[in-house]
Amino acid sequence: MTKPAQLVPTSSQTVGPYFRIGLEHLIEPATEAQATAAGSVEIRGQVLDGEGLPVPDAMLEFWGADSFGTYSCSSSQPSGSPAGFHRVATDDSGTFSVTTVKPGPVPLSGGGFQAPHLVVLVFARGLLRNLITRVYFSDEPGNATDLVLGQVPEDRRRTLIANGDGQGKALFHWNIILQGKDETAFFAW
């Protein structure tokens, strides 16, 4: 009995580190003005693989509404990116930090509101397509009635909640786990 040949993915079957190289020039570090602006929040966390190891070369995009719950396509950032858009990279320990305006409740076309949240796109090596998820804030009562969060199985909702530091600061902690037991809930697109 001969041993089957091991198949090795070709470059067309996996994403290498090249996307980060191509996008890194678009990353703008948070300014002091952003960090101290009224209504701003900071989210800190790590991107971890299925074994709990840090992913040092991930790229995250955060998309959010303004504090009134409206999305703006106008260019209000120095890069020309729309308001509510931020791109951050993980460092060697897989950590990231993003400072943004805390979004307001987003109105639904049929009435009602979505809880304040940010849409997050995850780009990382080994992914053929980016992953899409959301991050909600632990101090929001609207989480209990959010239609999207309500469709996530109850035992997995916690993977979408950024927890406040409890010290009155606008600092939240949230990790992205790419697979395994505590995998972050991701959405199909």
N, C-alpha and C. Protein backbone atom coordinates (compact mmCIF):
# COMPACT_ATOMS: atom_id res chain seq x y z
N MET A 1 0.84 -1.17 0.00
CA MET A 1 0.00 0.00 0.00
C MET A 1 0.89 1.24 0.00
N THR A 2 0.68 2.09 -0.97
CA THR A 2 1.51 3.30 -1.05
C THR A 2 0.85 4.43 -0.28
N LYS A 3 1.67 5.27 0.26
CA LYS A 3 1.20 6.42 1.01
C LYS A 3 0.73 7.49 0.02
N PRO A 4 -0.49 8.06 0.24
CA PRO A 4 -0.97 9.08 -0.70
C PRO A 4 -0.09 10.33 -0.63
N ALA A 5 0.05 10.97 -1.76
CA ALA A 5 0.84 12.20 -1.81
C ALA A 5 0.14 13.29 -1.02
N GLN A 6 0.92 14.10 -0.32
CA GLN A 6 0.35 15.21 0.43
C GLN A 6 0.14 16.38 -0.53
N LEU A 7 -1.07 16.91 -0.49
CA LEU A 7 -1.40 18.04 -1.36
C LEU A 7 -1.02 19.34 -0.66
N VAL A 8 -0.37 20.20 -1.38
CA VAL A 8 0.05 21.49 -0.85
C VAL A 8 -0.75 22.58 -1.56
N PRO A 9 -1.40 23.48 -0.78
CA PRO A 9 -2.16 24.54 -1.44
C PRO A 9 -1.28 25.41 -2.32
N THR A 10 -1.80 25.81 -3.44
CA THR A 10 -1.07 26.74 -4.31
C THR A 10 -1.46 28.16 -3.92
N SER A 11 -0.79 29.12 -4.48
CA SER A 11 -1.06 30.51 -4.12
C SER A 11 -2.48 30.94 -4.46
N SER A 12 -3.14 30.29 -5.38
CA SER A 12 -4.51 30.67 -5.70
C SER A 12 -5.51 30.09 -4.71
N GLN A 13 -5.05 29.23 -3.78
CA GLN A 13 -5.95 28.60 -2.84
C GLN A 13 -5.82 29.14 -1.43
N THR A 14 -4.95 30.06 -1.19
CA THR A 14 -4.79 30.61 0.14
C THR A 14 -4.40 32.07 0.04
N VAL A 15 -4.69 32.79 1.08
CA VAL A 15 -4.34 34.21 1.12
C VAL A 15 -3.04 34.33 1.90
N GLY A 16 -2.08 34.94 1.29
CA GLY A 16 -0.79 35.15 1.95
C GLY A 16 -0.78 36.46 2.70
N PRO A 17 0.38 36.90 3.11
CA PRO A 17 0.47 38.16 3.85
C PRO A 17 0.38 39.39 2.96
N TYR A 18 0.17 39.18 1.68
CA TYR A 18 0.26 40.28 0.73
C TYR A 18 -0.83 41.34 0.90
N PHE A 19 -2.02 40.92 1.36
CA PHE A 19 -3.08 41.92 1.52
C PHE A 19 -2.68 42.96 2.55
N ARG A 20 -1.97 42.55 3.58
CA ARG A 20 -1.55 43.51 4.61
C ARG A 20 -0.52 44.48 4.04
N ILE A 21 0.40 43.97 3.27
CA ILE A 21 1.40 44.83 2.66
C ILE A 21 0.71 45.87 1.78
N GLY A 22 -0.30 45.45 1.03
CA GLY A 22 -0.98 46.35 0.13
C GLY A 22 -1.89 47.36 0.81
N LEU A 23 -2.35 47.04 2.02
CA LEU A 23 -3.29 47.92 2.71
C LEU A 23 -2.67 48.72 3.85
N GLU A 24 -1.49 48.34 4.26
CA GLU A 24 -0.90 48.94 5.45
C GLU A 24 -0.74 50.46 5.34
N HIS A 25 -0.48 50.96 4.15
CA HIS A 25 -0.32 52.41 4.01
C HIS A 25 -1.62 53.17 4.27
N LEU A 26 -2.75 52.47 4.28
CA LEU A 26 -4.04 53.11 4.53
C LEU A 26 -4.40 53.19 6.01
N ILE A 27 -3.61 52.56 6.86
CA ILE A 27 -3.89 52.57 8.30
C ILE A 27 -3.47 53.91 8.87
N GLU A 28 -4.39 54.51 9.59
CA GLU A 28 -4.10 55.78 10.25
C GLU A 28 -4.21 55.57 11.75
N PRO A 29 -3.14 55.80 12.49
CA PRO A 29 -3.24 55.65 13.94
C PRO A 29 -4.20 56.68 14.51
N ALA A 30 -4.86 56.30 15.60
CA ALA A 30 -5.79 57.23 16.25
C ALA A 30 -5.04 58.46 16.71
N THR A 31 -5.65 59.60 16.50
CA THR A 31 -5.04 60.84 16.94
C THR A 31 -5.51 61.17 18.35
N GLU A 32 -4.83 62.08 19.00
CA GLU A 32 -5.23 62.52 20.34
C GLU A 32 -6.62 63.13 20.28
N ALA A 33 -6.92 63.86 19.21
CA ALA A 33 -8.24 64.47 19.07
C ALA A 33 -9.35 63.41 19.01
N GLN A 34 -9.10 62.30 18.29
CA GLN A 34 -10.09 61.23 18.22
C GLN A 34 -10.26 60.58 19.59
N ALA A 35 -9.16 60.34 20.26
CA ALA A 35 -9.20 59.63 21.54
C ALA A 35 -9.93 60.43 22.62
N THR A 36 -9.91 61.75 22.53
CA THR A 36 -10.53 62.58 23.56
C THR A 36 -11.84 63.21 23.11
N ALA A 37 -12.27 62.95 21.88
CA ALA A 37 -13.52 63.53 21.37
C ALA A 37 -14.71 63.01 22.16
N ALA A 38 -15.69 63.89 22.33
CA ALA A 38 -16.91 63.49 23.04
C ALA A 38 -17.57 62.33 22.31
N GLY A 39 -17.97 61.33 23.04
CA GLY A 39 -18.65 60.18 22.45
C GLY A 39 -17.73 59.14 21.85
N SER A 40 -16.40 59.32 21.98
CA SER A 40 -15.51 58.33 21.39
C SER A 40 -15.33 57.14 22.34
N VAL A 41 -15.09 56.00 21.75
CA VAL A 41 -14.82 54.77 22.49
C VAL A 41 -13.58 54.12 21.90
N GLU A 42 -12.91 53.35 22.73
CA GLU A 42 -11.77 52.56 22.27
C GLU A 42 -12.10 51.10 22.49
N ILE A 43 -11.86 50.30 21.47
CA ILE A 43 -12.03 48.84 21.59
C ILE A 43 -10.65 48.23 21.46
N ARG A 44 -10.26 47.43 22.45
CA ARG A 44 -8.98 46.73 22.43
C ARG A 44 -9.25 45.24 22.48
N GLY A 45 -8.41 44.48 21.81
CA GLY A 45 -8.56 43.04 21.85
C GLY A 45 -7.45 42.34 21.12
N GLN A 46 -7.69 41.04 20.90
CA GLN A 46 -6.74 40.20 20.19
C GLN A 46 -7.48 39.39 19.14
N VAL A 47 -6.79 39.08 18.07
CA VAL A 47 -7.29 38.11 17.09
C VAL A 47 -6.53 36.82 17.37
N LEU A 48 -7.28 35.74 17.64
CA LEU A 48 -6.69 34.46 18.01
C LEU A 48 -7.14 33.37 17.06
N ASP A 49 -6.25 32.40 16.82
CA ASP A 49 -6.63 31.27 15.97
C ASP A 49 -7.34 30.21 16.81
N GLY A 50 -7.65 29.08 16.22
CA GLY A 50 -8.38 28.02 16.90
C GLY A 50 -7.66 27.39 18.06
N GLU A 51 -6.34 27.55 18.11
CA GLU A 51 -5.56 27.00 19.22
C GLU A 51 -5.28 28.05 20.30
N GLY A 52 -5.88 29.23 20.13
CA GLY A 52 -5.67 30.30 21.10
C GLY A 52 -4.38 31.09 20.89
N LEU A 53 -3.74 30.88 19.74
CA LEU A 53 -2.49 31.59 19.44
C LEU A 53 -2.81 32.90 18.72
N PRO A 54 -2.02 33.94 18.98
CA PRO A 54 -2.28 35.23 18.33
C PRO A 54 -2.04 35.18 16.83
N VAL A 55 -2.83 35.96 16.10
CA VAL A 55 -2.67 36.10 14.66
C VAL A 55 -2.01 37.47 14.44
N PRO A 56 -0.69 37.47 14.17
CA PRO A 56 0.06 38.72 14.14
C PRO A 56 -0.07 39.53 12.86
N ASP A 57 -0.76 39.02 11.86
CA ASP A 57 -0.82 39.74 10.60
C ASP A 57 -2.24 39.86 10.06
N ALA A 58 -3.19 40.04 10.97
CA ALA A 58 -4.58 40.24 10.55
C ALA A 58 -4.83 41.73 10.29
N MET A 59 -5.82 41.98 9.48
CA MET A 59 -6.25 43.34 9.18
C MET A 59 -7.74 43.39 9.48
N LEU A 60 -8.19 44.42 10.21
CA LEU A 60 -9.59 44.56 10.59
C LEU A 60 -10.13 45.87 10.03
N GLU A 61 -11.34 45.82 9.51
CA GLU A 61 -12.04 47.03 9.10
C GLU A 61 -13.28 47.17 9.97
N PHE A 62 -13.47 48.35 10.52
CA PHE A 62 -14.62 48.66 11.36
C PHE A 62 -15.48 49.67 10.62
N TRP A 63 -16.77 49.37 10.49
CA TRP A 63 -17.73 50.25 9.82
C TRP A 63 -18.84 50.56 10.81
N GLY A 64 -19.12 51.84 11.02
CA GLY A 64 -20.15 52.18 11.99
C GLY A 64 -20.89 53.46 11.64
N ALA A 65 -22.06 53.59 12.24
CA ALA A 65 -22.86 54.80 12.10
C ALA A 65 -22.28 55.88 13.00
N ASP A 66 -22.78 57.09 12.84
CA ASP A 66 -22.35 58.17 13.74
C ASP A 66 -23.15 58.09 15.05
N SER A 67 -22.95 59.03 15.92
CA SER A 67 -23.61 58.99 17.23
C SER A 67 -25.12 59.15 17.13
N PHE A 68 -25.63 59.57 15.96
CA PHE A 68 -27.07 59.70 15.74
C PHE A 68 -27.66 58.47 15.06
N GLY A 69 -26.83 57.48 14.75
CA GLY A 69 -27.31 56.25 14.12
C GLY A 69 -27.43 56.34 12.62
N THR A 70 -26.78 57.32 12.00
CA THR A 70 -26.82 57.44 10.54
C THR A 70 -25.46 57.12 9.95
N TYR A 71 -25.50 56.48 8.80
CA TYR A 71 -24.27 56.17 8.07
C TYR A 71 -23.98 57.31 7.12
N SER A 72 -22.74 57.71 7.05
CA SER A 72 -22.35 58.81 6.19
C SER A 72 -21.39 58.30 5.13
N CYS A 73 -21.65 58.69 3.91
CA CYS A 73 -20.72 58.36 2.83
C CYS A 73 -19.78 59.52 2.55
N SER A 74 -19.96 60.60 3.31
CA SER A 74 -19.09 61.75 3.07
C SER A 74 -17.71 61.47 3.61
N SER A 75 -16.75 62.08 3.00
CA SER A 75 -15.36 61.90 3.37
C SER A 75 -15.01 62.88 4.47
N SER A 76 -14.86 62.38 5.70
CA SER A 76 -14.54 63.30 6.80
C SER A 76 -13.23 62.93 7.48
N GLN A 77 -12.53 61.96 6.97
CA GLN A 77 -11.25 61.58 7.54
C GLN A 77 -10.14 62.01 6.58
N PRO A 78 -8.95 62.24 7.12
CA PRO A 78 -7.85 62.69 6.26
C PRO A 78 -7.58 61.77 5.08
N SER A 79 -7.84 60.47 5.23
CA SER A 79 -7.55 59.52 4.15
C SER A 79 -8.58 59.57 3.04
N GLY A 80 -9.68 60.28 3.29
CA GLY A 80 -10.76 60.27 2.32
C GLY A 80 -11.74 59.14 2.58
N SER A 81 -11.52 58.35 3.64
CA SER A 81 -12.43 57.27 3.99
C SER A 81 -13.71 57.86 4.58
N PRO A 82 -14.83 57.15 4.44
CA PRO A 82 -16.07 57.66 5.02
C PRO A 82 -16.00 57.73 6.54
N ALA A 83 -16.79 58.63 7.11
CA ALA A 83 -16.88 58.70 8.56
C ALA A 83 -17.35 57.35 9.08
N GLY A 84 -16.87 56.94 10.22
CA GLY A 84 -17.26 55.65 10.79
C GLY A 84 -16.47 54.48 10.25
N PHE A 85 -15.47 54.72 9.42
CA PHE A 85 -14.65 53.65 8.86
C PHE A 85 -13.25 53.74 9.46
N HIS A 86 -12.74 52.58 9.91
CA HIS A 86 -11.38 52.52 10.44
C HIS A 86 -10.76 51.19 10.02
N ARG A 87 -9.49 51.22 9.67
CA ARG A 87 -8.75 50.01 9.32
C ARG A 87 -7.58 49.91 10.27
N VAL A 88 -7.46 48.76 10.95
CA VAL A 88 -6.36 48.56 11.89
C VAL A 88 -5.72 47.20 11.64
N ALA A 89 -4.46 47.10 11.98
CA ALA A 89 -3.72 45.84 11.86
C ALA A 89 -3.42 45.32 13.26
N THR A 90 -3.26 44.01 13.36
CA THR A 90 -2.82 43.43 14.62
C THR A 90 -1.30 43.53 14.71
N ASP A 91 -0.79 43.56 15.93
CA ASP A 91 0.66 43.59 16.11
C ASP A 91 1.19 42.16 16.29
N ASP A 92 2.43 42.03 16.67
CA ASP A 92 3.05 40.70 16.80
C ASP A 92 2.36 39.80 17.81
N SER A 93 1.64 40.39 18.77
CA SER A 93 0.92 39.57 19.75
C SER A 93 -0.57 39.44 19.41
N GLY A 94 -0.91 39.81 18.16
CA GLY A 94 -2.29 39.67 17.70
C GLY A 94 -3.23 40.73 18.25
N THR A 95 -2.70 41.75 18.94
CA THR A 95 -3.57 42.75 19.54
C THR A 95 -3.88 43.87 18.57
N PHE A 96 -5.02 44.49 18.81
CA PHE A 96 -5.46 45.64 18.03
C PHE A 96 -6.12 46.64 18.96
N SER A 97 -6.24 47.85 18.47
CA SER A 97 -6.95 48.91 19.18
C SER A 97 -7.55 49.83 18.14
N VAL A 98 -8.81 50.18 18.32
CA VAL A 98 -9.47 51.12 17.41
C VAL A 98 -10.23 52.13 18.26
N THR A 99 -10.11 53.40 17.88
CA THR A 99 -10.85 54.48 18.54
C THR A 99 -11.81 55.06 17.52
N THR A 100 -13.07 55.15 17.91
CA THR A 100 -14.10 55.63 17.01
C THR A 100 -15.21 56.30 17.81
N VAL A 101 -16.11 56.95 17.12
CA VAL A 101 -17.30 57.48 17.77
C VAL A 101 -18.21 56.30 18.07
N LYS A 102 -18.77 56.27 19.28
CA LYS A 102 -19.71 55.20 19.59
C LYS A 102 -20.98 55.43 18.78
N PRO A 103 -21.35 54.45 17.96
CA PRO A 103 -22.53 54.64 17.11
C PRO A 103 -23.80 54.72 17.94
N GLY A 104 -24.77 55.46 17.41
CA GLY A 104 -26.09 55.50 18.03
C GLY A 104 -26.95 54.37 17.50
N PRO A 105 -28.15 54.20 18.07
CA PRO A 105 -29.07 53.19 17.55
C PRO A 105 -29.41 53.49 16.09
N VAL A 106 -29.38 52.46 15.25
CA VAL A 106 -29.63 52.63 13.82
C VAL A 106 -31.10 52.32 13.53
N PRO A 107 -31.82 53.29 12.94
CA PRO A 107 -33.25 53.04 12.66
C PRO A 107 -33.46 51.96 11.60
N LEU A 108 -34.51 51.17 11.82
CA LEU A 108 -34.92 50.14 10.85
C LEU A 108 -35.99 50.74 9.94
N SER A 109 -36.06 50.29 8.71
CA SER A 109 -37.02 50.85 7.76
C SER A 109 -38.47 50.61 8.19
N GLY A 110 -38.74 49.53 8.88
CA GLY A 110 -40.10 49.22 9.32
C GLY A 110 -40.42 49.73 10.70
N GLY A 111 -39.55 50.55 11.25
CA GLY A 111 -39.73 51.03 12.62
C GLY A 111 -38.82 50.27 13.57
N GLY A 112 -38.55 50.84 14.69
CA GLY A 112 -37.64 50.23 15.66
C GLY A 112 -36.20 50.59 15.35
N PHE A 113 -35.30 50.02 16.14
CA PHE A 113 -33.88 50.36 16.03
C PHE A 113 -33.01 49.12 16.19
N GLN A 114 -31.84 49.16 15.55
CA GLN A 114 -30.79 48.20 15.84
C GLN A 114 -29.98 48.77 17.00
N ALA A 115 -29.48 47.92 17.85
CA ALA A 115 -28.63 48.37 18.94
C ALA A 115 -27.34 48.95 18.35
N PRO A 116 -26.72 49.91 19.04
CA PRO A 116 -25.44 50.43 18.57
C PRO A 116 -24.44 49.29 18.36
N HIS A 117 -23.78 49.30 17.22
CA HIS A 117 -22.83 48.23 16.88
C HIS A 117 -21.89 48.72 15.79
N LEU A 118 -20.83 47.98 15.58
CA LEU A 118 -19.93 48.20 14.45
C LEU A 118 -19.88 46.91 13.65
N VAL A 119 -19.87 47.03 12.34
CA VAL A 119 -19.65 45.87 11.47
C VAL A 119 -18.14 45.72 11.33
N VAL A 120 -17.65 44.49 11.45
CA VAL A 120 -16.21 44.24 11.42
C VAL A 120 -15.90 43.22 10.34
N LEU A 121 -14.95 43.57 9.46
CA LEU A 121 -14.45 42.65 8.45
C LEU A 121 -13.07 42.19 8.90
N VAL A 122 -12.84 40.89 8.84
CA VAL A 122 -11.57 40.30 9.28
C VAL A 122 -10.86 39.72 8.06
N PHE A 123 -9.64 40.18 7.83
CA PHE A 123 -8.78 39.65 6.79
C PHE A 123 -7.59 39.01 7.48
N ALA A 124 -7.27 37.78 7.12
CA ALA A 124 -6.12 37.11 7.74
C ALA A 124 -5.62 36.00 6.83
N ARG A 125 -4.37 35.62 7.05
CA ARG A 125 -3.78 34.55 6.24
C ARG A 125 -4.62 33.29 6.42
N GLY A 126 -4.70 32.54 5.35
CA GLY A 126 -5.46 31.29 5.39
C GLY A 126 -6.94 31.45 5.08
N LEU A 127 -7.43 32.68 5.02
CA LEU A 127 -8.84 32.91 4.69
C LEU A 127 -8.95 33.16 3.19
N LEU A 128 -9.85 32.47 2.54
CA LEU A 128 -10.06 32.71 1.13
C LEU A 128 -10.89 33.96 0.91
N ARG A 129 -11.76 34.25 1.85
CA ARG A 129 -12.59 35.46 1.82
C ARG A 129 -12.58 36.06 3.21
N ASN A 130 -12.80 37.34 3.27
CA ASN A 130 -12.85 37.97 4.59
C ASN A 130 -14.05 37.44 5.38
N LEU A 131 -13.95 37.54 6.69
CA LEU A 131 -15.06 37.18 7.57
C LEU A 131 -15.78 38.45 7.98
N ILE A 132 -17.08 38.33 8.24
CA ILE A 132 -17.88 39.48 8.66
C ILE A 132 -18.51 39.16 10.00
N THR A 133 -18.39 40.10 10.92
CA THR A 133 -19.02 39.95 12.22
C THR A 133 -19.49 41.32 12.69
N ARG A 134 -20.00 41.39 13.86
CA ARG A 134 -20.41 42.65 14.49
C ARG A 134 -19.86 42.69 15.90
N VAL A 135 -19.70 43.90 16.41
CA VAL A 135 -19.36 44.08 17.81
C VAL A 135 -20.39 45.03 18.41
N TYR A 136 -20.99 44.58 19.50
CA TYR A 136 -21.97 45.35 20.27
C TYR A 136 -21.31 45.78 21.58
N PHE A 137 -21.93 46.70 22.28
CA PHE A 137 -21.37 47.24 23.52
C PHE A 137 -22.17 46.74 24.71
N SER A 138 -21.47 46.27 25.74
CA SER A 138 -22.12 45.64 26.89
C SER A 138 -23.06 46.56 27.65
N ASP A 139 -22.88 47.86 27.54
CA ASP A 139 -23.70 48.80 28.32
C ASP A 139 -24.96 49.26 27.59
N GLU A 140 -25.35 48.60 26.52
CA GLU A 140 -26.49 49.02 25.71
C GLU A 140 -27.74 48.19 25.99
N PRO A 141 -28.79 48.82 26.50
CA PRO A 141 -30.04 48.08 26.73
C PRO A 141 -30.67 47.56 25.45
N GLY A 142 -30.39 48.22 24.30
CA GLY A 142 -30.95 47.80 23.01
C GLY A 142 -30.48 46.44 22.55
N ASN A 143 -29.41 45.90 23.16
CA ASN A 143 -28.92 44.57 22.79
C ASN A 143 -30.01 43.52 22.96
N ALA A 144 -30.87 43.70 23.98
CA ALA A 144 -31.90 42.70 24.28
C ALA A 144 -32.93 42.57 23.17
N THR A 145 -33.12 43.62 22.37
CA THR A 145 -34.15 43.58 21.32
C THR A 145 -33.58 43.70 19.91
N ASP A 146 -32.26 43.69 19.77
CA ASP A 146 -31.65 43.81 18.45
C ASP A 146 -32.01 42.60 17.60
N LEU A 147 -32.53 42.85 16.39
CA LEU A 147 -33.00 41.75 15.53
C LEU A 147 -31.86 40.84 15.08
N VAL A 148 -30.70 41.39 14.74
CA VAL A 148 -29.58 40.57 14.28
C VAL A 148 -29.00 39.78 15.45
N LEU A 149 -28.74 40.45 16.55
CA LEU A 149 -28.18 39.76 17.72
C LEU A 149 -29.14 38.68 18.22
N GLY A 150 -30.44 38.93 18.10
CA GLY A 150 -31.44 37.95 18.52
C GLY A 150 -31.46 36.69 17.67
N GLN A 151 -30.89 36.75 16.45
CA GLN A 151 -30.85 35.56 15.59
C GLN A 151 -29.62 34.69 15.85
N VAL A 152 -28.68 35.21 16.63
CA VAL A 152 -27.48 34.45 16.99
C VAL A 152 -27.86 33.55 18.17
N PRO A 153 -27.50 32.26 18.13
CA PRO A 153 -27.82 31.39 19.27
C PRO A 153 -27.36 32.03 20.59
N GLU A 154 -28.20 31.92 21.58
CA GLU A 154 -27.96 32.60 22.85
C GLU A 154 -26.59 32.32 23.45
N ASP A 155 -26.12 31.09 23.36
CA ASP A 155 -24.82 30.75 23.94
C ASP A 155 -23.64 31.34 23.16
N ARG A 156 -23.90 31.90 21.96
CA ARG A 156 -22.82 32.48 21.15
C ARG A 156 -22.86 34.00 21.11
N ARG A 157 -23.92 34.61 21.61
CA ARG A 157 -24.06 36.07 21.58
C ARG A 157 -22.91 36.77 22.29
N ARG A 158 -22.42 36.16 23.35
CA ARG A 158 -21.34 36.79 24.12
C ARG A 158 -20.10 37.03 23.27
N THR A 159 -19.94 36.28 22.17
CA THR A 159 -18.77 36.46 21.30
C THR A 159 -18.85 37.76 20.50
N LEU A 160 -20.02 38.42 20.53
CA LEU A 160 -20.21 39.66 19.80
C LEU A 160 -20.28 40.88 20.72
N ILE A 161 -20.09 40.67 22.01
CA ILE A 161 -20.25 41.76 22.98
C ILE A 161 -18.89 42.22 23.49
N ALA A 162 -18.59 43.50 23.29
CA ALA A 162 -17.39 44.11 23.87
C ALA A 162 -17.74 44.55 25.28
N ASN A 163 -16.92 44.15 26.23
CA ASN A 163 -17.18 44.45 27.63
C ASN A 163 -16.46 45.71 28.06
N GLY A 164 -17.21 46.61 28.72
CA GLY A 164 -16.62 47.83 29.24
C GLY A 164 -15.68 47.53 30.38
N ASP A 165 -14.76 48.44 30.62
CA ASP A 165 -13.77 48.20 31.67
C ASP A 165 -14.34 48.41 33.07
N GLY A 166 -15.57 48.94 33.18
CA GLY A 166 -16.22 49.09 34.47
C GLY A 166 -15.70 50.24 35.30
N GLN A 167 -14.85 51.06 34.74
CA GLN A 167 -14.29 52.16 35.50
C GLN A 167 -14.73 53.51 34.94
N GLY A 168 -15.84 53.52 34.21
CA GLY A 168 -16.39 54.76 33.70
C GLY A 168 -15.70 55.30 32.47
N LYS A 169 -14.65 54.64 32.01
CA LYS A 169 -13.98 55.08 30.79
C LYS A 169 -14.67 54.47 29.59
N ALA A 170 -14.46 55.05 28.45
CA ALA A 170 -15.04 54.52 27.22
C ALA A 170 -14.09 53.51 26.59
N LEU A 171 -13.71 52.52 27.39
CA LEU A 171 -12.78 51.48 26.95
C LEU A 171 -13.49 50.14 27.01
N PHE A 172 -13.46 49.43 25.88
CA PHE A 172 -14.11 48.13 25.78
C PHE A 172 -13.09 47.08 25.35
N HIS A 173 -13.31 45.84 25.79
CA HIS A 173 -12.43 44.72 25.44
C HIS A 173 -13.24 43.69 24.66
N TRP A 174 -12.66 43.23 23.53
CA TRP A 174 -13.34 42.26 22.68
C TRP A 174 -12.31 41.50 21.87
N ASN A 175 -12.35 40.18 21.93
CA ASN A 175 -11.44 39.33 21.15
C ASN A 175 -12.18 38.71 19.98
N ILE A 176 -11.44 38.47 18.92
CA ILE A 176 -11.96 37.76 17.75
C ILE A 176 -11.26 36.40 17.73
N ILE A 177 -12.04 35.33 17.82
CA ILE A 177 -11.50 33.98 17.79
C ILE A 177 -11.95 33.34 16.49
N LEU A 178 -11.00 32.96 15.66
CA LEU A 178 -11.29 32.55 14.29
C LEU A 178 -11.93 31.17 14.17
N GLN A 179 -11.71 30.28 15.12
CA GLN A 179 -12.35 28.97 15.06
C GLN A 179 -12.22 28.29 16.41
N GLY A 180 -12.97 27.22 16.57
CA GLY A 180 -12.89 26.44 17.81
C GLY A 180 -14.08 26.67 18.72
N LYS A 181 -13.93 26.22 19.95
CA LYS A 181 -15.01 26.22 20.93
C LYS A 181 -15.62 27.61 21.15
N ASP A 182 -14.82 28.61 21.29
CA ASP A 182 -15.31 29.96 21.57
C ASP A 182 -15.27 30.85 20.33
N GLU A 183 -15.40 30.26 19.15
CA GLU A 183 -15.33 31.01 17.90
C GLU A 183 -16.31 32.17 17.89
N THR A 184 -15.85 33.30 17.43
CA THR A 184 -16.70 34.46 17.25
C THR A 184 -17.79 34.12 16.24
N ALA A 185 -19.00 34.62 16.47
CA ALA A 185 -20.10 34.40 15.51
C ALA A 185 -19.80 35.24 14.27
N PHE A 186 -19.76 34.59 13.12
CA PHE A 186 -19.54 35.26 11.85
C PHE A 186 -20.80 35.15 11.01
N PHE A 187 -20.97 36.08 10.08
CA PHE A 187 -22.18 36.13 9.26
C PHE A 187 -21.84 35.82 7.80
N ALA A 188 -22.74 35.15 7.12
CA ALA A 188 -22.56 34.83 5.70
C ALA A 188 -22.84 36.09 4.88
N TRP A 189 -22.17 36.16 3.74
CA TRP A 189 -22.45 37.28 2.82
C TRP A 189 -22.47 36.81 1.41
